[in-house]
Amino acid sequence: MGANEIGRASPVFRRLLSGSATLWVMRNSVAPVLLLLALMAIFTGCSRTVTGGFEDSPDKKYRLYGRVYGALGKAFLDKTRKTVRLSVVTNNAVETVLFTREFRVTGSDVGLNWTWDKDANVTVAIFDYGPRVSEEDALKAGS
């Protein structure tokens, strides 16, 4: 390929023909790798533990969902701020949200217990057995 033909070629093709192709490829492939590494560093530890469940009312008309969201990047058993979310929905093909409430608590192994009475009233208890003590360990100890 003559000098005139190289001059009319695209800038990328000119770089390839000029012998600096290896440097160009290395320079243009380092940026995506650095971006990927930066994103991995940012999002490392950005996960959290979520516990919970649900239970239907005795007449099966309502369902209570309870969830405890642990702190981001921390062990659930660490004494940290957690979010407790309670939702009551209709128990049919299309669940309609009747009630949602969030509570911020500080604790270790924060848990939930709930009981429905015969009139579809629900009582919810939010509890914690203490720093680094799981519910299982507390029950073994007789709490």
C-alpha atoms as a PDB file:
ATOM      1  CA  MET A   1       0.000   0.000   0.000  1.00  0.00           C
ATOM      2  CA  GLY A   2       1.472   3.341  -1.052  1.00  0.00           C
ATOM      3  CA  ALA A   3       1.773   6.505   1.037  1.00  0.00           C
ATOM      4  CA  ASN A   4      -1.227   8.108  -0.710  1.00  0.00           C
ATOM      5  CA  GLU A   5      -3.417   5.108   0.052  1.00  0.00           C
ATOM      6  CA  ILE A   6      -2.423   5.163   3.744  1.00  0.00           C
ATOM      7  CA  GLY A   7      -3.336   8.862   3.922  1.00  0.00           C
ATOM      8  CA  ARG A   8      -6.869   8.142   2.680  1.00  0.00           C
ATOM      9  CA  ALA A   9      -7.404   5.189   5.081  1.00  0.00           C
ATOM     10  CA  SER A  10      -9.408   5.547   8.270  1.00  0.00           C
ATOM     11  CA  PRO A  11      -7.517   6.690  11.405  1.00  0.00           C
ATOM     12  CA  VAL A  12      -7.784   3.217  12.956  1.00  0.00           C
ATOM     13  CA  PHE A  13      -6.525   1.533   9.820  1.00  0.00           C
ATOM     14  CA  ARG A  14      -3.681   4.102   9.574  1.00  0.00           C
ATOM     15  CA  ARG A  15      -2.576   3.192  13.124  1.00  0.00           C
ATOM     16  CA  LEU A  16      -2.576  -0.486  12.220  1.00  0.00           C
ATOM     17  CA  LEU A  17      -0.522   0.157   9.098  1.00  0.00           C
ATOM     18  CA  SER A  18       1.919   2.470  10.855  1.00  0.00           C
ATOM     19  CA  GLY A  19       3.253  -0.208  13.208  1.00  0.00           C
ATOM     20  CA  SER A  20       1.804   1.231  16.436  1.00  0.00           C
ATOM     21  CA  ALA A  21      -1.076  -1.244  16.395  1.00  0.00           C
ATOM     22  CA  THR A  22       0.101  -3.113  19.488  1.00  0.00           C
ATOM     23  CA  LEU A  23       0.368   0.074  21.531  1.00  0.00           C
ATOM     24  CA  TRP A  24      -3.046   1.270  20.284  1.00  0.00           C
ATOM     25  CA  VAL A  25      -4.734  -2.047  21.180  1.00  0.00           C
ATOM     26  CA  MET A  26      -3.103  -2.088  24.619  1.00  0.00           C
ATOM     27  CA  ARG A  27      -4.098   1.516  25.349  1.00  0.00           C
ATOM     28  CA  ASN A  28      -7.702   0.974  24.265  1.00  0.00           C
ATOM     29  CA  SER A  29      -8.180  -2.318  26.120  1.00  0.00           C
ATOM     30  CA  VAL A  30      -6.764  -1.100  29.445  1.00  0.00           C
ATOM     31  CA  ALA A  31      -9.590   1.401  30.054  1.00  0.00           C
ATOM     32  CA  PRO A  32     -12.409  -1.212  30.065  1.00  0.00           C
ATOM     33  CA  VAL A  33     -10.386  -3.459  32.366  1.00  0.00           C
ATOM     34  CA  LEU A  34      -9.721  -0.576  34.764  1.00  0.00           C
ATOM     35  CA  LEU A  35     -13.410   0.349  34.694  1.00  0.00           C
ATOM     36  CA  LEU A  36     -14.373  -3.241  35.510  1.00  0.00           C
ATOM     37  CA  LEU A  37     -11.876  -3.373  38.393  1.00  0.00           C
ATOM     38  CA  ALA A  38     -13.137  -0.044  39.755  1.00  0.00           C
ATOM     39  CA  LEU A  39     -16.750  -1.243  39.644  1.00  0.00           C
ATOM     40  CA  MET A  40     -15.791  -4.481  41.392  1.00  0.00           C
ATOM     41  CA  ALA A  41     -14.035  -2.495  44.127  1.00  0.00           C
ATOM     42  CA  ILE A  42     -17.019  -0.184  44.571  1.00  0.00           C
ATOM     43  CA  PHE A  43     -19.592  -2.960  44.764  1.00  0.00           C
ATOM     44  CA  THR A  44     -17.568  -5.393  46.865  1.00  0.00           C
ATOM     45  CA  GLY A  45     -19.280  -5.641  50.218  1.00  0.00           C
ATOM     46  CA  CYS A  46     -22.476  -4.047  48.950  1.00  0.00           C
ATOM     47  CA  SER A  47     -24.551  -7.092  49.688  1.00  0.00           C
ATOM     48  CA  ARG A  48     -26.708  -7.707  52.720  1.00  0.00           C
ATOM     49  CA  THR A  49     -28.561 -10.474  54.478  1.00  0.00           C
ATOM     50  CA  VAL A  50     -32.351 -10.501  54.296  1.00  0.00           C
ATOM     51  CA  THR A  51     -34.417 -12.782  56.528  1.00  0.00           C
ATOM     52  CA  GLY A  52     -38.142 -13.153  56.865  1.00  0.00           C
ATOM     53  CA  GLY A  53     -41.232 -14.985  55.813  1.00  0.00           C
ATOM     54  CA  PHE A  54     -45.006 -14.790  55.721  1.00  0.00           C
ATOM     55  CA  GLU A  55     -48.101 -16.226  57.344  1.00  0.00           C
ATOM     56  CA  ASP A  56     -51.774 -16.192  56.416  1.00  0.00           C
ATOM     57  CA  SER A  57     -54.537 -15.080  58.765  1.00  0.00           C
ATOM     58  CA  PRO A  58     -56.730 -17.858  60.222  1.00  0.00           C
ATOM     59  CA  ASP A  59     -59.551 -17.003  57.780  1.00  0.00           C
ATOM     60  CA  LYS A  60     -57.026 -16.954  54.877  1.00  0.00           C
ATOM     61  CA  LYS A  61     -58.168 -13.461  53.799  1.00  0.00           C
ATOM     62  CA  TYR A  62     -54.906 -11.702  54.676  1.00  0.00           C
ATOM     63  CA  ARG A  63     -51.201 -12.411  54.553  1.00  0.00           C
ATOM     64  CA  LEU A  64     -48.455 -10.795  56.634  1.00  0.00           C
ATOM     65  CA  TYR A  65     -44.981 -10.491  55.157  1.00  0.00           C
ATOM     66  CA  GLY A  66     -42.118  -9.733  57.526  1.00  0.00           C
ATOM     67  CA  ARG A  67     -38.531  -9.057  56.474  1.00  0.00           C
ATOM     68  CA  VAL A  68     -35.389  -7.921  58.270  1.00  0.00           C
ATOM     69  CA  TYR A  69     -32.737  -6.270  56.076  1.00  0.00           C
ATOM     70  CA  GLY A  70     -29.206  -6.347  57.477  1.00  0.00           C
ATOM     71  CA  ALA A  71     -26.654  -3.574  57.028  1.00  0.00           C
ATOM     72  CA  LEU A  72     -24.811  -3.385  53.713  1.00  0.00           C
ATOM     73  CA  GLY A  73     -21.474  -5.169  53.743  1.00  0.00           C
ATOM     74  CA  LYS A  74     -21.739  -6.335  57.377  1.00  0.00           C
ATOM     75  CA  ALA A  75     -22.411  -9.705  58.976  1.00  0.00           C
ATOM     76  CA  PHE A  76     -26.019 -10.075  60.079  1.00  0.00           C
ATOM     77  CA  LEU A  77     -24.904 -11.003  63.619  1.00  0.00           C
ATOM     78  CA  ASP A  78     -22.907  -7.763  63.986  1.00  0.00           C
ATOM     79  CA  LYS A  79     -24.605  -5.041  66.033  1.00  0.00           C
ATOM     80  CA  THR A  80     -25.702  -2.753  63.190  1.00  0.00           C
ATOM     81  CA  ARG A  81     -28.717  -0.777  62.007  1.00  0.00           C
ATOM     82  CA  LYS A  82     -31.278  -2.986  60.376  1.00  0.00           C
ATOM     83  CA  THR A  83     -34.570  -2.318  58.623  1.00  0.00           C
ATOM     84  CA  VAL A  84     -37.679  -4.290  59.561  1.00  0.00           C
ATOM     85  CA  ARG A  85     -40.446  -4.180  56.943  1.00  0.00           C
ATOM     86  CA  LEU A  86     -43.969  -5.441  57.643  1.00  0.00           C
ATOM     87  CA  SER A  87     -46.665  -5.674  54.977  1.00  0.00           C
ATOM     88  CA  VAL A  88     -50.245  -6.925  55.152  1.00  0.00           C
ATOM     89  CA  VAL A  89     -51.835  -7.853  51.834  1.00  0.00           C
ATOM     90  CA  THR A  90     -55.052  -9.451  50.659  1.00  0.00           C
ATOM     91  CA  ASN A  91     -54.568 -13.168  50.139  1.00  0.00           C
ATOM     92  CA  ASN A  92     -55.961 -13.696  46.660  1.00  0.00           C
ATOM     93  CA  ALA A  93     -54.712 -14.001  43.080  1.00  0.00           C
ATOM     94  CA  VAL A  94     -53.818 -10.301  42.969  1.00  0.00           C
ATOM     95  CA  GLU A  95     -52.340  -9.270  46.315  1.00  0.00           C
ATOM     96  CA  THR A  96     -53.426  -5.758  47.275  1.00  0.00           C
ATOM     97  CA  VAL A  97     -51.182  -4.028  49.802  1.00  0.00           C
ATOM     98  CA  LEU A  98     -53.271  -2.892  52.776  1.00  0.00           C
ATOM     99  CA  PHE A  99     -50.490  -1.834  55.137  1.00  0.00           C
ATOM    100  CA  THR A 100     -46.722  -1.397  54.981  1.00  0.00           C
ATOM    101  CA  ARG A 101     -44.513  -0.122  57.757  1.00  0.00           C
ATOM    102  CA  GLU A 102     -40.735   0.088  58.140  1.00  0.00           C
ATOM    103  CA  PHE A 103     -38.826   0.300  61.390  1.00  0.00           C
ATOM    104  CA  ARG A 104     -35.121   1.064  61.870  1.00  0.00           C
ATOM    105  CA  VAL A 105     -33.603  -0.879  64.736  1.00  0.00           C
ATOM    106  CA  THR A 106     -30.079  -1.446  65.982  1.00  0.00           C
ATOM    107  CA  GLY A 107     -29.309  -4.988  66.973  1.00  0.00           C
ATOM    108  CA  SER A 108     -27.533  -8.220  66.236  1.00  0.00           C
ATOM    109  CA  ASP A 109     -29.667 -11.175  65.149  1.00  0.00           C
ATOM    110  CA  VAL A 110     -32.921  -9.216  64.860  1.00  0.00           C
ATOM    111  CA  GLY A 111     -35.913 -11.472  64.365  1.00  0.00           C
ATOM    112  CA  LEU A 112     -39.687 -11.407  64.094  1.00  0.00           C
ATOM    113  CA  ASN A 113     -42.505 -13.407  65.618  1.00  0.00           C
ATOM    114  CA  TRP A 114     -46.170 -12.860  64.858  1.00  0.00           C
ATOM    115  CA  THR A 115     -49.449 -14.383  65.906  1.00  0.00           C
ATOM    116  CA  TRP A 116     -52.922 -14.001  64.463  1.00  0.00           C
ATOM    117  CA  ASP A 117     -55.981 -14.168  66.684  1.00  0.00           C
ATOM    118  CA  LYS A 118     -59.344 -15.605  65.583  1.00  0.00           C
ATOM    119  CA  ASP A 119     -60.573 -12.123  64.536  1.00  0.00           C
ATOM    120  CA  ALA A 120     -57.670 -11.626  62.081  1.00  0.00           C
ATOM    121  CA  ASN A 121     -55.800  -9.246  64.391  1.00  0.00           C
ATOM    122  CA  VAL A 122     -52.059  -9.727  64.270  1.00  0.00           C
ATOM    123  CA  THR A 123     -49.436  -9.066  66.945  1.00  0.00           C
ATOM    124  CA  VAL A 124     -45.808  -8.697  65.867  1.00  0.00           C
ATOM    125  CA  ALA A 125     -42.780  -8.954  68.167  1.00  0.00           C
ATOM    126  CA  ILE A 126     -39.375  -7.659  67.024  1.00  0.00           C
ATOM    127  CA  PHE A 127     -36.578  -9.128  69.111  1.00  0.00           C
ATOM    128  CA  ASP A 128     -32.826  -9.503  69.469  1.00  0.00           C
ATOM    129  CA  TYR A 129     -30.950 -11.889  71.766  1.00  0.00           C
ATOM    130  CA  GLY A 130     -27.836  -9.731  72.088  1.00  0.00           C
ATOM    131  CA  PRO A 131     -24.528  -9.130  70.323  1.00  0.00           C
ATOM    132  CA  ARG A 132     -23.287 -12.096  68.260  1.00  0.00           C
ATOM    133  CA  VAL A 133     -25.955 -14.434  69.716  1.00  0.00           C
ATOM    134  CA  SER A 134     -28.166 -16.170  67.171  1.00  0.00           C
ATOM    135  CA  GLU A 135     -31.739 -17.238  67.856  1.00  0.00           C
ATOM    136  CA  GLU A 136     -30.611 -20.861  67.650  1.00  0.00           C
ATOM    137  CA  ASP A 137     -27.905 -20.322  70.317  1.00  0.00           C
ATOM    138  CA  ALA A 138     -30.345 -18.454  72.569  1.00  0.00           C
ATOM    139  CA  LEU A 139     -32.916 -21.241  72.341  1.00  0.00           C
ATOM    140  CA  LYS A 140     -30.244 -23.823  73.200  1.00  0.00           C
ATOM    141  CA  ALA A 141     -29.320 -21.729  76.256  1.00  0.00           C
ATOM    142  CA  GLY A 142     -32.975 -21.639  77.364  1.00  0.00           C
ATOM    143  CA  SER A 143     -33.949 -18.059  76.500  1.00  0.00           C
END
